[in-house]
């Protein structure tokens, strides 16, 4: 996925947000996970980034 900002990705250097992402575990039903993956694919982003954007939009209104 391209950053779209002309910024080269480097380890331990956030690109999209002011903080680094960390691994977390969530539990979803198979049908919900399929919806997440399909929606992310349609936007050409990862499932992780899709969930990040969904949560930020919900809580921050962005």
N, C-alpha and C. Protein backbone atom coordinates (compact mmCIF):
# COMPACT_ATOMS: atom_id res chain seq x y z
N UNK A 1 0.84 -1.17 0.00
CA UNK A 1 0.00 0.00 0.00
C UNK A 1 0.89 1.24 0.00
N UNK A 2 0.63 2.14 -0.88
CA UNK A 2 1.38 3.38 -0.97
C UNK A 2 0.92 4.34 0.12
N UNK A 3 1.86 5.09 0.65
CA UNK A 3 1.51 6.05 1.69
C UNK A 3 0.75 7.23 1.10
N UNK A 4 0.95 7.49 -0.18
CA UNK A 4 0.27 8.61 -0.82
C UNK A 4 0.76 9.96 -0.35
N UNK A 5 1.79 9.97 0.45
CA UNK A 5 2.31 11.23 0.99
C UNK A 5 3.73 11.50 0.51
N UNK A 6 4.26 10.63 -0.35
CA UNK A 6 5.63 10.80 -0.79
C UNK A 6 6.64 10.50 0.30
N UNK A 7 6.21 9.73 1.30
CA UNK A 7 7.06 9.40 2.43
C UNK A 7 7.45 7.94 2.34
N UNK A 8 8.75 7.66 2.43
CA UNK A 8 9.20 6.28 2.42
C UNK A 8 8.98 5.68 3.80
N UNK A 9 8.44 4.49 3.82
CA UNK A 9 8.22 3.81 5.10
C UNK A 9 9.55 3.34 5.68
N UNK A 10 9.73 3.59 6.96
CA UNK A 10 10.89 3.09 7.68
C UNK A 10 10.40 2.51 9.00
N UNK A 11 11.12 1.52 9.48
CA UNK A 11 10.73 0.84 10.71
C UNK A 11 10.69 1.83 11.88
N UNK A 12 9.68 1.66 12.73
CA UNK A 12 9.49 2.48 13.93
C UNK A 12 9.34 3.97 13.62
N UNK A 13 8.74 4.26 12.46
CA UNK A 13 8.50 5.64 12.06
C UNK A 13 7.07 5.72 11.54
N UNK A 14 6.14 6.33 12.29
CA UNK A 14 4.76 6.37 11.84
C UNK A 14 4.58 7.17 10.56
N UNK A 15 3.67 6.73 9.70
CA UNK A 15 3.41 7.42 8.44
C UNK A 15 2.04 8.08 8.46
N UNK A 16 1.01 7.33 8.78
CA UNK A 16 -0.36 7.83 8.71
C UNK A 16 -0.81 8.55 9.98
N UNK A 17 -0.30 8.14 11.12
CA UNK A 17 -0.78 8.66 12.40
C UNK A 17 0.40 9.12 13.24
N UNK A 18 0.13 9.83 14.33
CA UNK A 18 1.19 10.37 15.17
C UNK A 18 1.81 9.32 16.08
N UNK A 19 1.31 8.12 16.03
CA UNK A 19 1.84 7.05 16.87
C UNK A 19 1.98 5.78 16.06
N UNK A 20 2.85 4.89 16.52
CA UNK A 20 3.04 3.61 15.85
C UNK A 20 1.90 2.66 16.17
N UNK A 21 1.60 1.80 15.23
CA UNK A 21 0.62 0.75 15.50
C UNK A 21 1.32 -0.39 16.25
N UNK A 22 0.56 -1.07 17.09
CA UNK A 22 1.04 -2.25 17.82
C UNK A 22 0.09 -3.39 17.52
N UNK A 23 0.54 -4.59 17.70
CA UNK A 23 -0.31 -5.76 17.52
C UNK A 23 -1.28 -5.91 18.68
N UNK A 24 -2.54 -6.17 18.35
CA UNK A 24 -3.57 -6.43 19.35
C UNK A 24 -4.43 -7.57 18.82
N UNK A 25 -5.07 -8.25 19.72
CA UNK A 25 -5.90 -9.38 19.32
C UNK A 25 -7.37 -9.05 19.53
N UNK A 26 -8.18 -9.25 18.49
CA UNK A 26 -9.62 -9.10 18.62
C UNK A 26 -10.27 -10.38 18.12
N UNK A 27 -11.46 -10.65 18.59
CA UNK A 27 -12.18 -11.84 18.17
C UNK A 27 -13.43 -11.43 17.41
N UNK A 28 -13.59 -11.96 16.21
CA UNK A 28 -14.74 -11.68 15.36
C UNK A 28 -15.32 -12.99 14.86
N UNK A 29 -16.60 -12.96 14.52
CA UNK A 29 -17.18 -14.12 13.86
C UNK A 29 -16.59 -14.21 12.46
N UNK A 30 -16.66 -15.39 11.86
CA UNK A 30 -16.16 -15.55 10.51
C UNK A 30 -16.86 -14.63 9.53
N UNK A 31 -18.16 -14.46 9.69
CA UNK A 31 -18.90 -13.60 8.75
C UNK A 31 -18.47 -12.14 8.89
N UNK A 32 -18.23 -11.67 10.10
CA UNK A 32 -17.76 -10.29 10.29
C UNK A 32 -16.36 -10.12 9.72
N UNK A 33 -15.49 -11.11 9.94
CA UNK A 33 -14.12 -11.02 9.42
C UNK A 33 -14.13 -10.98 7.89
N UNK A 34 -15.01 -11.75 7.27
CA UNK A 34 -15.12 -11.73 5.81
C UNK A 34 -15.57 -10.35 5.32
N UNK A 35 -16.48 -9.72 6.04
CA UNK A 35 -16.95 -8.38 5.67
C UNK A 35 -15.82 -7.36 5.80
N UNK A 36 -15.03 -7.47 6.86
CA UNK A 36 -13.89 -6.58 7.05
C UNK A 36 -12.90 -6.75 5.90
N UNK A 37 -12.55 -7.99 5.58
CA UNK A 37 -11.59 -8.25 4.52
C UNK A 37 -12.10 -7.77 3.17
N UNK A 38 -13.38 -7.97 2.88
CA UNK A 38 -13.95 -7.54 1.60
C UNK A 38 -13.98 -6.02 1.50
N UNK A 39 -14.39 -5.36 2.56
CA UNK A 39 -14.43 -3.89 2.57
C UNK A 39 -13.03 -3.31 2.42
N UNK A 40 -12.06 -3.90 3.09
CA UNK A 40 -10.67 -3.44 2.99
C UNK A 40 -10.14 -3.64 1.58
N UNK A 41 -10.46 -4.77 0.99
CA UNK A 41 -10.02 -5.06 -0.38
C UNK A 41 -10.59 -4.03 -1.35
N UNK A 42 -11.84 -3.67 -1.19
CA UNK A 42 -12.49 -2.67 -2.06
C UNK A 42 -11.82 -1.31 -1.96
N UNK A 43 -11.26 -1.00 -0.78
CA UNK A 43 -10.57 0.28 -0.57
C UNK A 43 -9.07 0.16 -0.83
N UNK A 44 -8.62 -1.04 -1.17
CA UNK A 44 -7.20 -1.32 -1.43
C UNK A 44 -6.33 -0.99 -0.22
N UNK A 45 -6.82 -1.38 0.96
CA UNK A 45 -6.06 -1.22 2.20
C UNK A 45 -6.09 -2.54 2.97
N UNK A 46 -5.29 -2.64 3.99
CA UNK A 46 -5.27 -3.84 4.81
C UNK A 46 -6.48 -3.88 5.74
N UNK A 47 -6.79 -5.07 6.24
CA UNK A 47 -7.88 -5.20 7.20
C UNK A 47 -7.58 -4.37 8.45
N UNK A 48 -6.33 -4.36 8.86
CA UNK A 48 -5.91 -3.57 10.02
C UNK A 48 -6.18 -2.08 9.80
N UNK A 49 -5.81 -1.58 8.63
CA UNK A 49 -6.02 -0.16 8.34
C UNK A 49 -7.51 0.15 8.20
N UNK A 50 -8.27 -0.78 7.65
CA UNK A 50 -9.72 -0.59 7.53
C UNK A 50 -10.35 -0.43 8.92
N UNK A 51 -9.98 -1.31 9.85
CA UNK A 51 -10.51 -1.23 11.22
C UNK A 51 -10.05 0.06 11.89
N UNK A 52 -8.79 0.44 11.68
CA UNK A 52 -8.27 1.69 12.25
C UNK A 52 -9.10 2.88 11.77
N UNK A 53 -9.36 2.95 10.47
CA UNK A 53 -10.14 4.06 9.92
C UNK A 53 -11.58 4.04 10.42
N UNK A 54 -12.17 2.84 10.52
CA UNK A 54 -13.54 2.70 11.00
C UNK A 54 -13.66 3.22 12.44
N UNK A 55 -12.73 2.84 13.27
CA UNK A 55 -12.75 3.28 14.68
C UNK A 55 -12.51 4.78 14.79
N UNK A 56 -11.53 5.29 14.05
CA UNK A 56 -11.26 6.73 14.10
C UNK A 56 -12.46 7.53 13.61
N UNK A 57 -13.10 7.07 12.55
CA UNK A 57 -14.27 7.77 12.03
C UNK A 57 -15.40 7.76 13.06
N UNK A 58 -15.60 6.62 13.71
CA UNK A 58 -16.67 6.49 14.69
C UNK A 58 -16.44 7.41 15.90
N UNK A 59 -15.23 7.41 16.44
CA UNK A 59 -14.96 8.16 17.67
C UNK A 59 -14.52 9.60 17.45
N UNK A 60 -13.83 9.85 16.35
CA UNK A 60 -13.29 11.19 16.10
C UNK A 60 -14.12 11.98 15.09
N UNK A 61 -14.99 11.30 14.38
CA UNK A 61 -15.80 11.96 13.37
C UNK A 61 -15.02 12.36 12.13
N UNK A 62 -13.86 11.73 11.89
CA UNK A 62 -13.03 12.04 10.71
C UNK A 62 -13.38 11.16 9.56
